[in-house]
Protein backbone atom coordinates (compact mmCIF):
# COMPACT_ATOMS: atom_id res chain seq x y z
CA MET A 1 0.09 14.28 -5.40
CA GLN A 2 2.91 12.05 -3.61
CA ILE A 3 1.44 8.77 -1.89
CA SER A 4 4.27 7.54 0.46
CA PHE A 5 3.71 3.97 2.40
CA SER A 6 6.14 3.45 5.53
CA HIS A 7 5.91 -0.19 6.60
CA VAL A 8 2.51 -0.48 5.35
CA LEU A 9 0.54 -3.61 5.92
CA PRO A 10 -3.19 -4.46 6.23
CA PHE A 11 -4.21 -6.83 8.97
CA PRO A 12 -6.26 -9.08 6.64
CA LEU A 13 -2.58 -9.75 4.90
CA GLU A 14 -0.66 -10.75 8.04
CA GLY A 15 0.92 -14.22 8.11
CA MET A 16 0.52 -14.69 4.32
CA GLN A 17 3.67 -15.61 2.53
CA TYR A 18 4.76 -12.55 -0.16
CA VAL A 19 7.12 -12.72 -3.35
CA LYS A 20 10.42 -10.52 -3.71
CA ASP A 21 8.21 -8.48 -6.07
CA SER A 22 5.71 -7.91 -3.86
CA LEU A 23 4.25 -4.26 -2.42
CA TRP A 24 4.12 -5.69 0.64
CA HIS A 25 7.29 -7.04 0.59
CA HIS A 26 8.90 -3.53 0.64
CA GLY A 27 8.95 -1.76 3.93
CA ASP A 28 8.68 1.48 2.05
CA PHE A 29 7.46 2.66 -1.22
CA THR A 30 6.28 5.89 -2.67
CA PHE A 31 4.08 6.79 -5.74
CA GLU A 32 5.40 10.08 -7.35
CA PRO A 33 3.17 13.03 -9.31
CA ASN A 34 2.99 12.31 -12.92
CA GLN A 35 3.64 9.00 -13.09
CA ILE A 36 1.77 6.04 -13.99
CA TYR A 37 1.92 2.71 -11.94
CA GLU A 38 0.70 -0.55 -12.86
CA ILE A 39 -0.43 -2.95 -9.77
CA VAL A 40 -0.83 -6.65 -11.20
CA ALA A 41 -1.53 -9.41 -8.90
CA SER A 42 -3.40 -12.41 -8.38
CA SER A 43 -6.96 -12.21 -6.42
CA GLY A 44 -7.07 -11.41 -2.69
CA LYS A 45 -3.11 -10.05 -3.11
CA GLY A 46 -4.35 -6.71 -1.74
CA LYS A 47 -4.75 -4.64 -4.50
CA THR A 48 -8.60 -3.18 -3.70
CA THR A 49 -7.40 -2.67 0.09
CA LEU A 50 -4.39 -0.58 -1.19
CA LEU A 51 -6.50 1.36 -3.13
CA ASP A 52 -9.23 1.77 -0.29
CA MET A 53 -6.76 2.73 2.48
CA ILE A 54 -5.44 5.24 0.05
CA PHE A 55 -9.11 6.44 -0.32
CA GLY A 56 -9.26 6.38 3.72
CA ARG A 57 -12.19 3.82 3.22
CA ARG A 58 -9.80 1.08 5.29
CA LYS A 59 -8.07 2.02 8.60
CA ASP A 60 -7.15 -1.43 9.13
CA TYR A 61 -3.30 -1.76 8.61
CA LYS A 62 -0.19 -0.86 10.78
CA GLY A 63 2.37 1.30 9.37
CA GLU A 64 2.18 5.10 8.23
CA ILE A 65 0.59 6.22 4.74
CA THR A 66 1.35 10.10 3.65
CA ILE A 67 -0.46 12.24 1.13
CA ASN A 68 1.83 15.09 0.34
CA ASN A 69 4.04 14.61 3.58
CA GLU A 70 0.53 14.32 5.66
CA ASN A 71 -0.24 11.52 7.61
CA ILE A 72 -3.89 10.22 6.80
């Protein structure tokens, strides 16, 4: 399963400053199939929000998320 993000930013995180290696700092990124990813960040930086968006529990973001090229 391929999960792609295009200019996604959760509304609750707008206005926060992000370091260059932040997930939210990058405009586009993709989780490729058969790969393992580790997401590490301090509290309040959007890790749970990211998962909630992938699983469809959160819709309060701007940008586009696709799973296998289908917009969710």
